[in-house]
Amino acid sequence: MKALRLSALVSIFFSLIGVVAAAALTPDDAAKHVGESGTVCGVVASAHFAARSRAQPTFLNLDKPYPNQIFTAVIFGDDRAKFGEPERLQGKRVCVSGPIRLYRGAPEVILHDPKQLEQQ
């Protein structure tokens, strides 16, 4: 009986791992999930702090650099201090989590909390 319970627990554990692994999206796949919350993982191909723009956004473009970006994580100036210098992530693999939305035809996630950004 204990072996059966242990087997069931192991099965549930590995099923949950599969669900978590399946939840991560590539930047290319993000456009198929607009309107959903998700986790998008990729390499920061370009990073730019637009200090002179009204909202002072920082753009982290995953897998392809601006102007050919396919997915962008955006940190607005009001939240930037929480993230230190996000441009230092250029060339690094990251995962960003949050609601996926479209902006000018490209998917993006707006980051408000450092917990939404994980360096891998």
N, C-alpha and C. Protein backbone atom coordinates (compact mmCIF):
# COMPACT_ATOMS: atom_id res chain seq x y z
N MET A 1 0.82 -1.19 0.00
CA MET A 1 0.00 0.00 0.00
C MET A 1 0.87 1.26 0.00
N LYS A 2 1.95 1.24 0.81
CA LYS A 2 2.83 2.39 0.87
C LYS A 2 3.53 2.59 -0.48
N ALA A 3 3.88 1.48 -1.13
CA ALA A 3 4.54 1.58 -2.45
C ALA A 3 3.59 2.21 -3.46
N LEU A 4 2.32 1.88 -3.38
CA LEU A 4 1.34 2.44 -4.29
C LEU A 4 1.18 3.95 -4.05
N ARG A 5 1.15 4.36 -2.78
CA ARG A 5 1.05 5.78 -2.45
C ARG A 5 2.28 6.54 -2.92
N LEU A 6 3.45 5.95 -2.69
CA LEU A 6 4.70 6.57 -3.12
C LEU A 6 4.72 6.69 -4.64
N SER A 7 4.29 5.68 -5.32
CA SER A 7 4.23 5.71 -6.79
C SER A 7 3.30 6.81 -7.28
N ALA A 8 2.16 6.95 -6.63
CA ALA A 8 1.21 8.00 -7.01
C ALA A 8 1.81 9.38 -6.77
N LEU A 9 2.49 9.58 -5.63
CA LEU A 9 3.11 10.87 -5.34
C LEU A 9 4.21 11.20 -6.35
N VAL A 10 5.02 10.22 -6.71
CA VAL A 10 6.08 10.43 -7.70
C VAL A 10 5.46 10.80 -9.04
N SER A 11 4.40 10.15 -9.41
CA SER A 11 3.71 10.43 -10.67
C SER A 11 3.17 11.86 -10.68
N ILE A 12 2.56 12.27 -9.59
CA ILE A 12 2.02 13.63 -9.48
C ILE A 12 3.16 14.64 -9.57
N PHE A 13 4.24 14.37 -8.86
CA PHE A 13 5.40 15.27 -8.86
C PHE A 13 5.91 15.49 -10.28
N PHE A 14 6.13 14.41 -11.03
CA PHE A 14 6.65 14.55 -12.38
C PHE A 14 5.63 15.18 -13.34
N SER A 15 4.36 15.00 -13.07
CA SER A 15 3.34 15.66 -13.88
C SER A 15 3.40 17.17 -13.66
N LEU A 16 3.57 17.58 -12.41
CA LEU A 16 3.67 19.01 -12.10
C LEU A 16 4.92 19.62 -12.74
N ILE A 17 6.02 18.91 -12.72
CA ILE A 17 7.25 19.41 -13.36
C ILE A 17 6.99 19.62 -14.85
N GLY A 18 6.30 18.72 -15.48
CA GLY A 18 5.97 18.86 -16.91
C GLY A 18 5.11 20.07 -17.17
N VAL A 19 4.15 20.35 -16.28
CA VAL A 19 3.29 21.52 -16.44
C VAL A 19 4.11 22.79 -16.32
N VAL A 20 5.01 22.85 -15.33
CA VAL A 20 5.83 24.04 -15.13
C VAL A 20 6.75 24.25 -16.33
N ALA A 21 7.38 23.18 -16.82
CA ALA A 21 8.29 23.30 -17.96
C ALA A 21 7.53 23.74 -19.20
N ALA A 22 6.31 23.26 -19.37
CA ALA A 22 5.52 23.61 -20.55
C ALA A 22 5.06 25.06 -20.51
N ALA A 23 5.03 25.65 -19.32
CA ALA A 23 4.51 27.01 -19.17
C ALA A 23 5.45 28.06 -19.76
N ALA A 24 6.76 27.78 -19.87
CA ALA A 24 7.70 28.76 -20.40
C ALA A 24 7.55 28.86 -21.91
N LEU A 25 7.41 30.09 -22.39
CA LEU A 25 7.23 30.34 -23.82
C LEU A 25 8.51 30.91 -24.41
N THR A 26 8.72 30.69 -25.70
CA THR A 26 9.80 31.36 -26.41
C THR A 26 9.28 32.73 -26.85
N PRO A 27 10.18 33.67 -27.14
CA PRO A 27 9.72 34.96 -27.65
C PRO A 27 8.84 34.82 -28.90
N ASP A 28 9.15 33.85 -29.77
CA ASP A 28 8.33 33.63 -30.97
C ASP A 28 6.91 33.18 -30.62
N ASP A 29 6.78 32.40 -29.55
CA ASP A 29 5.47 31.87 -29.16
C ASP A 29 4.60 32.88 -28.41
N ALA A 30 5.21 33.93 -27.88
CA ALA A 30 4.48 34.88 -27.04
C ALA A 30 3.28 35.50 -27.76
N ALA A 31 3.41 35.77 -29.04
CA ALA A 31 2.31 36.40 -29.79
C ALA A 31 1.05 35.53 -29.81
N LYS A 32 1.21 34.23 -29.66
CA LYS A 32 0.06 33.31 -29.64
C LYS A 32 -0.65 33.32 -28.29
N HIS A 33 -0.07 34.04 -27.31
CA HIS A 33 -0.61 34.03 -25.95
C HIS A 33 -0.95 35.43 -25.44
N VAL A 34 -1.19 36.35 -26.37
CA VAL A 34 -1.60 37.71 -25.99
C VAL A 34 -2.91 37.63 -25.22
N GLY A 35 -2.98 38.38 -24.13
CA GLY A 35 -4.17 38.36 -23.28
C GLY A 35 -4.08 37.36 -22.15
N GLU A 36 -3.03 36.56 -22.15
CA GLU A 36 -2.80 35.58 -21.09
C GLU A 36 -1.61 36.02 -20.25
N SER A 37 -1.52 35.49 -19.05
CA SER A 37 -0.30 35.65 -18.26
C SER A 37 0.60 34.49 -18.60
N GLY A 38 1.89 34.77 -18.71
CA GLY A 38 2.82 33.71 -19.05
C GLY A 38 4.24 34.07 -18.69
N THR A 39 5.13 33.13 -18.92
CA THR A 39 6.56 33.32 -18.71
C THR A 39 7.23 33.14 -20.05
N VAL A 40 8.00 34.14 -20.44
CA VAL A 40 8.71 34.14 -21.73
C VAL A 40 10.20 34.15 -21.44
N CYS A 41 10.92 33.20 -22.04
CA CYS A 41 12.36 33.08 -21.80
C CYS A 41 13.13 33.24 -23.10
N GLY A 42 14.25 33.96 -23.01
CA GLY A 42 15.11 34.17 -24.17
C GLY A 42 16.34 34.95 -23.78
N VAL A 43 17.20 35.20 -24.76
CA VAL A 43 18.43 35.96 -24.54
C VAL A 43 18.15 37.44 -24.82
N VAL A 44 18.62 38.31 -23.94
CA VAL A 44 18.44 39.75 -24.15
C VAL A 44 19.37 40.16 -25.29
N ALA A 45 18.79 40.35 -26.47
CA ALA A 45 19.56 40.68 -27.68
C ALA A 45 19.90 42.16 -27.74
N SER A 46 19.06 43.01 -27.16
CA SER A 46 19.35 44.44 -27.06
C SER A 46 18.63 45.00 -25.84
N ALA A 47 19.25 46.00 -25.24
CA ALA A 47 18.68 46.66 -24.07
C ALA A 47 18.91 48.15 -24.21
N HIS A 48 17.86 48.93 -23.92
CA HIS A 48 17.99 50.38 -24.09
C HIS A 48 17.17 51.11 -23.03
N PHE A 49 17.80 52.06 -22.37
CA PHE A 49 17.12 52.95 -21.42
C PHE A 49 16.85 54.26 -22.13
N ALA A 50 15.58 54.57 -22.37
CA ALA A 50 15.18 55.80 -23.06
C ALA A 50 14.98 56.89 -22.01
N ALA A 51 16.07 57.37 -21.45
CA ALA A 51 16.03 58.32 -20.33
C ALA A 51 15.34 59.63 -20.69
N ARG A 52 15.37 60.03 -21.94
CA ARG A 52 14.78 61.30 -22.35
C ARG A 52 13.32 61.18 -22.78
N SER A 53 12.80 59.97 -22.84
CA SER A 53 11.39 59.77 -23.18
C SER A 53 10.53 60.09 -21.96
N ARG A 54 9.29 60.42 -22.21
CA ARG A 54 8.36 60.84 -21.16
C ARG A 54 8.29 59.83 -20.01
N ALA A 55 8.09 58.57 -20.28
CA ALA A 55 7.92 57.57 -19.22
C ALA A 55 9.24 56.88 -18.85
N GLN A 56 10.32 57.30 -19.48
CA GLN A 56 11.67 56.74 -19.25
C GLN A 56 11.69 55.21 -19.25
N PRO A 57 11.21 54.61 -20.33
CA PRO A 57 11.19 53.15 -20.37
C PRO A 57 12.57 52.54 -20.62
N THR A 58 12.74 51.35 -20.11
CA THR A 58 13.88 50.50 -20.44
C THR A 58 13.31 49.33 -21.23
N PHE A 59 13.90 49.06 -22.39
CA PHE A 59 13.44 47.98 -23.25
C PHE A 59 14.44 46.85 -23.24
N LEU A 60 13.98 45.64 -22.95
CA LEU A 60 14.79 44.44 -23.04
C LEU A 60 14.18 43.59 -24.15
N ASN A 61 14.85 43.54 -25.30
CA ASN A 61 14.34 42.80 -26.45
C ASN A 61 14.96 41.41 -26.45
N LEU A 62 14.09 40.40 -26.43
CA LEU A 62 14.57 39.02 -26.34
C LEU A 62 14.73 38.39 -27.72
N ASP A 63 15.83 37.71 -27.90
CA ASP A 63 16.21 36.91 -29.07
C ASP A 63 16.56 37.69 -30.33
N LYS A 64 15.88 38.80 -30.59
CA LYS A 64 16.23 39.63 -31.74
C LYS A 64 16.30 41.09 -31.29
N PRO A 65 17.33 41.82 -31.72
CA PRO A 65 17.49 43.21 -31.27
C PRO A 65 16.54 44.16 -31.99
N TYR A 66 16.34 45.33 -31.37
CA TYR A 66 15.63 46.43 -32.02
C TYR A 66 16.40 46.81 -33.28
N PRO A 67 15.78 47.06 -34.40
CA PRO A 67 14.35 47.27 -34.65
C PRO A 67 13.62 46.02 -35.13
N ASN A 68 14.24 44.86 -35.01
CA ASN A 68 13.61 43.61 -35.46
C ASN A 68 13.11 42.76 -34.30
N GLN A 69 12.86 43.39 -33.17
CA GLN A 69 12.46 42.66 -31.96
C GLN A 69 11.19 41.87 -32.19
N ILE A 70 11.12 40.72 -31.53
CA ILE A 70 9.92 39.88 -31.61
C ILE A 70 9.19 39.82 -30.28
N PHE A 71 9.87 40.25 -29.21
CA PHE A 71 9.27 40.30 -27.88
C PHE A 71 10.07 41.29 -27.04
N THR A 72 9.37 42.08 -26.25
CA THR A 72 10.03 43.08 -25.41
C THR A 72 9.50 43.03 -23.99
N ALA A 73 10.43 43.10 -23.04
CA ALA A 73 10.07 43.33 -21.64
C ALA A 73 10.32 44.81 -21.39
N VAL A 74 9.36 45.50 -20.80
CA VAL A 74 9.45 46.94 -20.59
C VAL A 74 9.42 47.26 -19.10
N ILE A 75 10.37 48.11 -18.70
CA ILE A 75 10.40 48.61 -17.32
C ILE A 75 10.28 50.13 -17.42
N PHE A 76 9.22 50.69 -16.86
CA PHE A 76 9.05 52.13 -16.90
C PHE A 76 9.87 52.80 -15.80
N GLY A 77 10.17 54.08 -16.00
CA GLY A 77 11.03 54.83 -15.11
C GLY A 77 10.64 54.77 -13.65
N ASP A 78 9.34 54.76 -13.35
CA ASP A 78 8.89 54.69 -11.96
C ASP A 78 9.34 53.42 -11.25
N ASP A 79 9.57 52.35 -12.02
CA ASP A 79 9.95 51.06 -11.44
C ASP A 79 11.43 50.74 -11.64
N ARG A 80 12.13 51.53 -12.44
CA ARG A 80 13.50 51.20 -12.83
C ARG A 80 14.45 50.98 -11.66
N ALA A 81 14.36 51.80 -10.62
CA ALA A 81 15.28 51.68 -9.48
C ALA A 81 15.21 50.30 -8.83
N LYS A 82 14.07 49.66 -8.90
CA LYS A 82 13.90 48.32 -8.32
C LYS A 82 14.76 47.28 -9.03
N PHE A 83 15.13 47.56 -10.29
CA PHE A 83 15.83 46.59 -11.12
C PHE A 83 17.32 46.88 -11.26
N GLY A 84 17.81 47.94 -10.64
CA GLY A 84 19.23 48.29 -10.80
C GLY A 84 19.47 48.82 -12.19
N GLU A 85 20.42 48.25 -12.90
CA GLU A 85 20.71 48.61 -14.30
C GLU A 85 20.34 47.43 -15.19
N PRO A 86 19.10 47.38 -15.65
CA PRO A 86 18.66 46.22 -16.44
C PRO A 86 19.46 46.02 -17.73
N GLU A 87 20.10 47.08 -18.24
CA GLU A 87 20.88 46.94 -19.48
C GLU A 87 22.03 45.95 -19.31
N ARG A 88 22.45 45.71 -18.07
CA ARG A 88 23.54 44.77 -17.83
C ARG A 88 23.15 43.34 -18.20
N LEU A 89 21.87 43.13 -18.44
CA LEU A 89 21.39 41.79 -18.81
C LEU A 89 21.59 41.48 -20.29
N GLN A 90 22.03 42.46 -21.08
CA GLN A 90 22.24 42.19 -22.50
C GLN A 90 23.21 41.02 -22.66
N GLY A 91 22.80 40.08 -23.52
CA GLY A 91 23.60 38.88 -23.76
C GLY A 91 23.31 37.74 -22.80
N LYS A 92 22.47 37.98 -21.81
CA LYS A 92 22.15 36.96 -20.81
C LYS A 92 20.76 36.37 -21.08
N ARG A 93 20.59 35.14 -20.65
CA ARG A 93 19.29 34.48 -20.78
C ARG A 93 18.43 34.85 -19.57
N VAL A 94 17.21 35.27 -19.84
CA VAL A 94 16.27 35.67 -18.78
C VAL A 94 14.90 35.07 -19.06
N CYS A 95 14.09 35.05 -18.01
CA CYS A 95 12.67 34.74 -18.13
C CYS A 95 11.90 35.89 -17.51
N VAL A 96 10.86 36.34 -18.18
CA VAL A 96 10.00 37.40 -17.65
C VAL A 96 8.58 36.87 -17.56
N SER A 97 7.89 37.28 -16.52
CA SER A 97 6.53 36.78 -16.28
C SER A 97 5.56 37.93 -16.11
N GLY A 98 4.35 37.71 -16.60
CA GLY A 98 3.29 38.70 -16.45
C GLY A 98 2.31 38.60 -17.60
N PRO A 99 1.35 39.51 -17.60
CA PRO A 99 0.37 39.54 -18.70
C PRO A 99 1.06 39.90 -20.02
N ILE A 100 0.78 39.14 -21.04
CA ILE A 100 1.35 39.39 -22.37
C ILE A 100 0.35 40.25 -23.14
N ARG A 101 0.83 41.37 -23.66
CA ARG A 101 -0.04 42.26 -24.43
C ARG A 101 0.67 42.65 -25.72
N LEU A 102 -0.09 43.22 -26.63
CA LEU A 102 0.48 43.71 -27.88
C LEU A 102 0.71 45.21 -27.79
N TYR A 103 1.85 45.64 -28.31
CA TYR A 103 2.12 47.06 -28.46
C TYR A 103 2.71 47.25 -29.84
N ARG A 104 2.01 48.00 -30.67
CA ARG A 104 2.42 48.23 -32.06
C ARG A 104 2.72 46.92 -32.79
N GLY A 105 1.87 45.94 -32.55
CA GLY A 105 1.95 44.67 -33.26
C GLY A 105 2.92 43.65 -32.70
N ALA A 106 3.66 43.98 -31.65
CA ALA A 106 4.63 43.04 -31.07
C ALA A 106 4.25 42.74 -29.61
N PRO A 107 4.43 41.50 -29.18
CA PRO A 107 4.09 41.15 -27.80
C PRO A 107 5.10 41.72 -26.81
N GLU A 108 4.60 42.05 -25.62
CA GLU A 108 5.45 42.57 -24.56
C GLU A 108 4.87 42.22 -23.20
N VAL A 109 5.74 42.29 -22.21
CA VAL A 109 5.33 42.18 -20.80
C VAL A 109 5.90 43.40 -20.11
N ILE A 110 5.07 44.07 -19.32
CA ILE A 110 5.54 45.22 -18.55
C ILE A 110 5.94 44.71 -17.17
N LEU A 111 7.16 45.05 -16.77
CA LEU A 111 7.70 44.59 -15.49
C LEU A 111 7.56 45.70 -14.44
N HIS A 112 6.95 45.35 -13.32
CA HIS A 112 6.78 46.28 -12.21
C HIS A 112 7.58 45.83 -10.98
N ASP A 113 7.86 44.54 -10.91
CA ASP A 113 8.48 43.95 -9.73
C ASP A 113 9.65 43.06 -10.16
N PRO A 114 10.79 43.15 -9.49
CA PRO A 114 11.93 42.30 -9.86
C PRO A 114 11.63 40.81 -9.83
N LYS A 115 10.60 40.41 -9.10
CA LYS A 115 10.21 38.99 -9.07
C LYS A 115 9.71 38.51 -10.44
N GLN A 116 9.35 39.47 -11.31
CA GLN A 116 8.90 39.12 -12.65
C GLN A 116 10.05 38.81 -13.59
N LEU A 117 11.27 39.07 -13.17
CA LEU A 117 12.45 38.92 -14.02
C LEU A 117 13.43 37.96 -13.36
N GLU A 118 13.75 36.89 -14.05
CA GLU A 118 14.69 35.91 -13.53
C GLU A 118 15.82 35.70 -14.52
N GLN A 119 17.04 35.89 -14.05
CA GLN A 119 18.20 35.61 -14.90
C GLN A 119 18.53 34.13 -14.75
N GLN A 120 18.79 33.47 -15.87
CA GLN A 120 19.10 32.05 -15.82
C GLN A 120 20.56 31.78 -15.99
